[in-house]
Amino acid sequence: MSLREVFDEIAEARKAHEWLLPMLLEELASSRQVEPPKHDSWFSVSRVPVACPRALVMISRLGLPMTDNLTPKNRWAMDRGSAIHSVFQERWLGPMGWLKGGWVCSYCAHMHGGKDQDLWSVRLENAVFLPEKCEKCEKKWNRFEPFSFVEPYSGHQAPIKVRGRNDGFLCLPGCGIEVMDLKTTSRLDLVKLAPKPDHVEQVQWYLDAEKLHRGRIVYMDPGAKTIEASIVEHKIEFDPQLMHRQKERVIALRKALKDEARPVPRCPNGGKGPYGDCDCVEVALLWARTGH
């Protein structure tokens, strides 16, 4: 390769990396394969209320790997939501003494709350309020280097096997302990009168696991101009009947995943999803092509 050709390659490389945005759009997109669900798989609290049992059973019996795609648009929404969560938990509620969970020192990484410095060990019984200073290195909390919040883990053991992290235990003065669930949205008008049903079901799973009676869904709009216009909240009471139906649904799904002689479950939403057809509609086409 001549020196001229080397210079030309360097120039092309510089041109391809001249602007940040195109590089971000390329790097933020990702895709990974996920194994099809099995009868003994753990299910996520956030996925159970919206998952279609018909689609999951057909996917499992076909042995289809599922693809988890993330677009730059998805990442923008997810990471912006995570940043808002951190502000709410680590800079507002924590220092105000209204939030219990785990707290990791920003200087020595010592975790307060939980057990044996295990990030998955934070539960209601060992969740703590934000300490004024680290019990190990004595570094004081400050707004420029806040302690990192560790969200509590909640789970139901076999045969249910549903687990997830809630957004902390809210302890407002005189209100007792509540499970808090933070949601970001650009359409507060859609949840002003009532929360979304699947969000209510998600909180119910946390309440049942922690044996608590009250929860709170806090919707936040990152694009709002004022804090007054950025938040809508709903109190949630534990509903044992709803929770019973949720558990029965999970148990029925596990039985269908284990025993292929059982009929494929029906779609609970009649083939309709929140933004179009349910996943089961597309999977059913492949299911039919394979002779089922």
Protein backbone atom coordinates (compact mmCIF):
# COMPACT_ATOMS: atom_id res chain seq x y z
CA MET A 1 0.00 0.00 0.00
CA SER A 2 1.40 3.38 -1.00
CA LEU A 3 1.73 6.34 1.34
CA ARG A 4 -0.99 8.12 -0.66
CA GLU A 5 -3.38 5.22 -0.10
CA VAL A 6 -2.62 5.23 3.64
CA PHE A 7 -3.43 8.95 3.82
CA ASP A 8 -6.65 8.38 1.87
CA GLU A 9 -7.74 5.66 4.32
CA ILE A 10 -7.01 7.92 7.27
CA ALA A 11 -9.03 10.71 5.66
CA GLU A 12 -11.98 8.35 5.06
CA ALA A 13 -11.83 7.14 8.65
CA ARG A 14 -11.85 10.72 9.91
CA LYS A 15 -14.78 11.57 7.67
CA ALA A 16 -16.75 8.55 8.90
CA HIS A 17 -16.19 9.63 12.51
CA GLU A 18 -16.58 13.36 12.02
CA TRP A 19 -20.01 13.62 13.65
CA LEU A 20 -21.12 12.12 16.95
CA LEU A 21 -24.81 11.56 16.20
CA PRO A 22 -24.43 9.01 13.36
CA MET A 23 -21.95 7.07 15.48
CA LEU A 24 -24.35 7.10 18.43
CA LEU A 25 -27.22 5.87 16.29
CA GLU A 26 -25.11 2.97 15.11
CA GLU A 27 -23.66 2.02 18.50
CA LEU A 28 -26.89 2.35 20.50
CA ALA A 29 -28.72 -0.23 18.37
CA SER A 30 -28.33 -3.77 19.66
CA SER A 31 -29.88 -7.19 19.32
CA ARG A 32 -29.58 -10.37 21.34
CA GLN A 33 -31.21 -13.76 21.28
CA VAL A 34 -33.14 -15.00 24.30
CA GLU A 35 -33.94 -18.64 24.91
CA PRO A 36 -37.64 -19.55 24.58
CA PRO A 37 -39.46 -19.79 27.95
CA LYS A 38 -39.58 -23.09 29.81
CA HIS A 39 -41.97 -24.32 32.47
CA ASP A 40 -39.41 -23.59 35.20
CA SER A 41 -38.06 -20.27 33.86
CA TRP A 42 -38.11 -17.20 36.07
CA PHE A 43 -40.53 -14.53 34.84
CA SER A 44 -40.07 -10.79 35.28
CA VAL A 45 -42.62 -8.82 37.31
CA SER A 46 -42.64 -6.13 34.63
CA ARG A 47 -43.31 -8.64 31.83
CA VAL A 48 -45.96 -10.89 33.40
CA PRO A 49 -48.86 -8.37 33.15
CA VAL A 50 -48.25 -7.72 29.42
CA ALA A 51 -46.96 -11.10 28.22
CA CYS A 52 -49.29 -13.12 26.00
CA PRO A 53 -49.44 -16.76 27.20
CA ARG A 54 -50.59 -17.90 23.76
CA ALA A 55 -47.49 -16.44 22.10
CA LEU A 56 -45.13 -17.79 24.78
CA VAL A 57 -46.48 -21.34 24.57
CA MET A 58 -46.31 -21.45 20.76
CA ILE A 59 -42.78 -20.02 20.81
CA SER A 60 -41.72 -22.59 23.39
CA ARG A 61 -43.20 -25.56 21.52
CA LEU A 62 -41.66 -24.40 18.25
CA GLY A 63 -38.29 -23.96 19.97
CA LEU A 64 -37.96 -20.47 18.56
CA PRO A 65 -35.27 -18.22 20.01
CA MET A 66 -36.70 -14.81 20.84
CA THR A 67 -34.92 -11.67 19.72
CA ASP A 68 -34.56 -8.73 22.06
CA ASN A 69 -34.01 -5.69 19.84
CA LEU A 70 -33.05 -2.27 21.13
CA THR A 71 -33.24 0.73 18.81
CA PRO A 72 -31.73 4.16 19.49
CA LYS A 73 -35.30 5.34 20.17
CA ASN A 74 -35.73 2.61 22.81
CA ARG A 75 -32.38 3.45 24.40
CA TRP A 76 -33.24 7.15 24.49
CA ALA A 77 -36.47 6.38 26.36
CA MET A 78 -34.95 3.78 28.69
CA ASP A 79 -31.80 5.69 29.64
CA ARG A 80 -33.68 8.97 30.06
CA GLY A 81 -36.08 7.13 32.35
CA SER A 82 -33.18 5.69 34.36
CA ALA A 83 -31.70 9.17 34.77
CA ILE A 84 -35.02 10.53 36.04
CA HIS A 85 -35.25 7.60 38.45
CA SER A 86 -31.81 8.47 39.85
CA VAL A 87 -32.78 12.10 40.40
CA PHE A 88 -35.99 11.13 42.14
CA GLN A 89 -34.38 8.48 44.35
CA GLU A 90 -30.86 9.74 45.03
CA ARG A 91 -31.22 13.53 45.00
CA TRP A 92 -34.79 14.06 46.20
CA LEU A 93 -36.53 11.33 48.20
CA GLY A 94 -33.38 9.82 49.73
CA PRO A 95 -31.99 13.03 51.27
CA MET A 96 -35.51 13.94 52.43
CA GLY A 97 -35.64 10.75 54.47
CA TRP A 98 -38.64 9.33 52.60
CA LEU A 99 -37.11 6.35 50.79
CA LYS A 100 -35.80 3.00 51.99
CA GLY A 101 -33.65 0.60 49.99
CA GLY A 102 -29.93 0.00 49.66
CA TRP A 103 -27.33 2.78 49.38
CA VAL A 104 -23.82 2.46 47.95
CA CYS A 105 -21.17 4.95 49.06
CA SER A 106 -19.85 6.94 46.10
CA TYR A 107 -16.32 6.89 47.55
CA CYS A 108 -15.60 3.38 48.89
CA ALA A 109 -18.53 1.44 47.33
CA HIS A 110 -19.70 0.11 50.71
CA MET A 111 -23.39 -0.81 50.63
CA HIS A 112 -25.74 0.17 53.44
CA GLY A 113 -28.72 -2.15 53.80
CA GLY A 114 -29.03 -5.61 52.33
CA LYS A 115 -26.76 -8.45 53.40
CA ASP A 116 -23.10 -9.25 52.83
CA GLN A 117 -22.67 -6.45 50.26
CA ASP A 118 -24.90 -8.38 47.84
CA LEU A 119 -26.83 -6.07 45.49
CA TRP A 120 -29.59 -8.71 45.18
CA SER A 121 -30.05 -9.03 48.92
CA VAL A 122 -31.94 -5.79 49.60
CA ARG A 123 -35.40 -6.64 50.95
CA LEU A 124 -38.04 -4.88 52.99
CA GLU A 125 -36.65 -6.30 56.24
CA ASN A 126 -33.14 -4.92 55.64
CA ALA A 127 -33.84 -1.79 53.58
CA VAL A 128 -32.54 1.43 55.16
CA PHE A 129 -32.90 5.17 54.81
CA LEU A 130 -30.06 7.15 53.20
CA PRO A 131 -27.29 7.52 55.83
CA GLU A 132 -25.82 10.93 56.48
CA LYS A 133 -22.35 9.44 56.10
CA CYS A 134 -20.81 6.12 55.13
CA GLU A 135 -20.48 3.75 58.08
CA LYS A 136 -17.19 2.43 56.65
CA CYS A 137 -15.21 5.40 55.33
CA GLU A 138 -17.28 8.16 57.00
CA LYS A 139 -17.65 10.09 53.77
CA LYS A 140 -20.70 12.37 53.99
CA TRP A 141 -23.40 12.38 51.34
CA ASN A 142 -23.40 15.47 49.14
CA ARG A 143 -25.39 16.43 46.07
CA PHE A 144 -22.31 16.39 43.82
CA GLU A 145 -21.41 12.79 44.76
CA PRO A 146 -24.68 11.21 45.92
CA PHE A 147 -24.82 7.65 47.16
CA SER A 148 -26.21 5.22 44.54
CA PHE A 149 -29.62 3.76 45.30
CA VAL A 150 -30.02 -0.04 45.18
CA GLU A 151 -33.58 -0.98 44.31
CA PRO A 152 -35.10 -3.67 46.55
CA TYR A 153 -35.61 -7.15 45.15
CA SER A 154 -39.00 -8.87 45.40
CA GLY A 155 -39.80 -12.40 44.36
CA HIS A 156 -42.20 -15.34 44.56
CA GLN A 157 -40.59 -18.75 44.83
CA ALA A 158 -41.71 -21.94 43.02
CA PRO A 159 -44.19 -22.76 41.66
CA ILE A 160 -44.81 -19.07 40.81
CA LYS A 161 -41.19 -17.94 40.17
CA VAL A 162 -41.88 -14.29 39.40
CA ARG A 163 -39.33 -11.70 40.48
CA GLY A 164 -38.17 -8.14 39.95
CA ARG A 165 -36.93 -4.95 41.55
CA ASN A 166 -39.27 -2.26 42.80
CA ASP A 167 -38.31 1.41 42.89
CA GLY A 168 -38.05 1.61 46.66
CA PHE A 169 -40.15 1.70 49.80
CA LEU A 170 -41.79 5.10 50.17
CA CYS A 171 -42.18 6.27 53.77
CA LEU A 172 -44.04 9.57 53.80
CA PRO A 173 -44.70 11.07 57.25
CA GLY A 174 -47.81 9.47 58.76
CA CYS A 175 -48.50 7.27 55.71
CA GLY A 176 -46.74 4.03 56.61
CA ILE A 177 -44.68 2.00 54.13
CA GLU A 178 -45.67 1.87 50.47
CA VAL A 179 -44.13 0.12 47.46
CA MET A 180 -43.21 2.84 44.96
CA ASP A 181 -43.22 2.35 41.20
CA LEU A 182 -41.83 5.16 39.03
CA LYS A 183 -42.89 5.48 35.40
CA THR A 184 -41.79 8.01 32.79
CA THR A 185 -44.21 9.13 30.09
CA SER A 186 -44.75 12.02 27.72
CA ARG A 187 -48.54 11.62 27.96
CA LEU A 188 -49.59 12.39 31.51
CA ASP A 189 -53.06 13.14 30.21
CA LEU A 190 -53.56 9.42 29.55
CA VAL A 191 -52.88 8.47 33.17
CA LYS A 192 -54.24 11.51 34.97
CA LEU A 193 -57.54 9.88 35.96
CA ALA A 194 -56.33 6.30 36.41
CA PRO A 195 -53.09 4.33 36.09
CA LYS A 196 -52.56 1.78 33.34
CA PRO A 197 -53.93 -1.67 34.31
CA ASP A 198 -50.63 -3.48 33.70
CA HIS A 199 -48.85 -1.00 35.96
CA VAL A 200 -51.38 -1.71 38.71
CA GLU A 201 -50.82 -5.45 38.27
CA GLN A 202 -47.07 -4.95 38.53
CA VAL A 203 -47.44 -3.14 41.85
CA GLN A 204 -49.75 -5.91 43.07
CA TRP A 205 -46.96 -8.45 42.58
CA TYR A 206 -44.62 -6.33 44.72
CA LEU A 207 -47.25 -5.80 47.42
CA ASP A 208 -48.01 -9.50 47.59
CA ALA A 209 -44.33 -10.45 47.83
CA GLU A 210 -43.69 -7.94 50.62
CA LYS A 211 -47.01 -8.52 52.44
CA LEU A 212 -47.80 -4.81 52.20
CA HIS A 213 -51.21 -3.24 51.70
CA ARG A 214 -50.39 0.01 49.92
CA GLY A 215 -48.41 1.09 46.89
CA ARG A 216 -47.99 4.20 44.80
CA ILE A 217 -47.45 4.69 41.07
CA VAL A 218 -45.70 7.95 40.24
CA TYR A 219 -45.79 9.02 36.60
CA MET A 220 -43.20 11.60 35.52
CA ASP A 221 -42.92 13.57 32.30
CA PRO A 222 -39.23 14.46 31.66
CA GLY A 223 -40.27 17.08 29.12
CA ALA A 224 -42.57 19.07 31.42
CA LYS A 225 -41.61 22.70 31.98
CA THR A 226 -42.40 22.76 35.72
CA ILE A 227 -42.31 20.17 38.48
CA GLU A 228 -46.01 20.79 39.15
CA ALA A 229 -46.81 19.73 35.60
CA SER A 230 -44.39 16.80 35.61
CA ILE A 231 -45.94 14.41 38.14
CA VAL A 232 -49.17 12.42 38.43
CA GLU A 233 -49.49 9.88 41.23
CA HIS A 234 -51.98 7.17 42.15
CA LYS A 235 -52.33 5.26 45.40
CA ILE A 236 -52.80 1.51 44.95
CA GLU A 237 -54.50 -0.76 47.49
CA PHE A 238 -53.64 -4.44 47.58
CA ASP A 239 -56.26 -6.51 45.75
CA PRO A 240 -56.12 -10.19 46.82
CA GLN A 241 -58.65 -11.28 44.18
CA LEU A 242 -56.68 -9.68 41.34
CA MET A 243 -53.50 -11.25 42.73
CA HIS A 244 -55.15 -14.67 42.87
CA ARG A 245 -56.09 -14.37 39.19
CA GLN A 246 -52.55 -13.33 38.30
CA LYS A 247 -51.04 -16.33 40.07
CA GLU A 248 -53.52 -18.73 38.48
CA ARG A 249 -52.60 -17.32 35.08
CA VAL A 250 -48.89 -17.94 35.71
CA ILE A 251 -49.52 -21.48 36.99
CA ALA A 252 -51.68 -22.28 33.93
CA LEU A 253 -48.93 -20.93 31.66
CA ARG A 254 -46.32 -23.12 33.33
CA LYS A 255 -48.52 -26.20 32.93
CA ALA A 256 -48.98 -25.45 29.22
CA LEU A 257 -45.22 -24.96 28.80
CA LYS A 258 -44.50 -28.27 30.52
CA ASP A 259 -47.19 -30.47 28.94
CA GLU A 260 -47.45 -30.19 25.14
CA ALA A 261 -50.64 -32.26 25.22
CA ARG A 262 -52.42 -29.30 26.77
CA PRO A 263 -54.18 -26.92 24.37
CA VAL A 264 -52.48 -23.64 23.55
CA PRO A 265 -53.94 -20.88 25.77
CA ARG A 266 -56.12 -18.19 24.29
CA CYS A 267 -54.86 -14.63 23.92
CA PRO A 268 -56.26 -12.63 26.87
CA ASN A 269 -56.55 -9.55 24.64
CA GLY A 270 -58.19 -11.16 21.63
CA GLY A 271 -55.11 -10.74 19.44
CA LYS A 272 -54.81 -7.01 20.10
CA GLY A 273 -51.79 -5.28 21.62
CA PRO A 274 -51.37 -1.71 22.89
CA TYR A 275 -49.81 -0.59 19.59
CA GLY A 276 -51.31 -3.02 17.07
CA ASP A 277 -51.57 -6.78 16.79
CA CYS A 278 -50.51 -8.94 19.71
CA ASP A 279 -47.29 -10.96 19.32
CA CYS A 280 -49.36 -14.13 19.12
CA VAL A 281 -50.85 -13.11 15.76
CA GLU A 282 -47.51 -13.31 13.94
CA VAL A 283 -46.40 -16.43 15.83
CA ALA A 284 -49.72 -18.13 14.98
CA LEU A 285 -48.92 -17.84 11.26
CA LEU A 286 -45.69 -19.78 11.72
CA TRP A 287 -47.50 -22.19 14.03
CA ALA A 288 -50.03 -22.91 11.30
CA ARG A 289 -47.31 -23.36 8.64
CA THR A 290 -45.70 -26.09 10.72
CA GLY A 291 -48.89 -28.15 10.62
CA HIS A 292 -50.40 -27.31 13.99
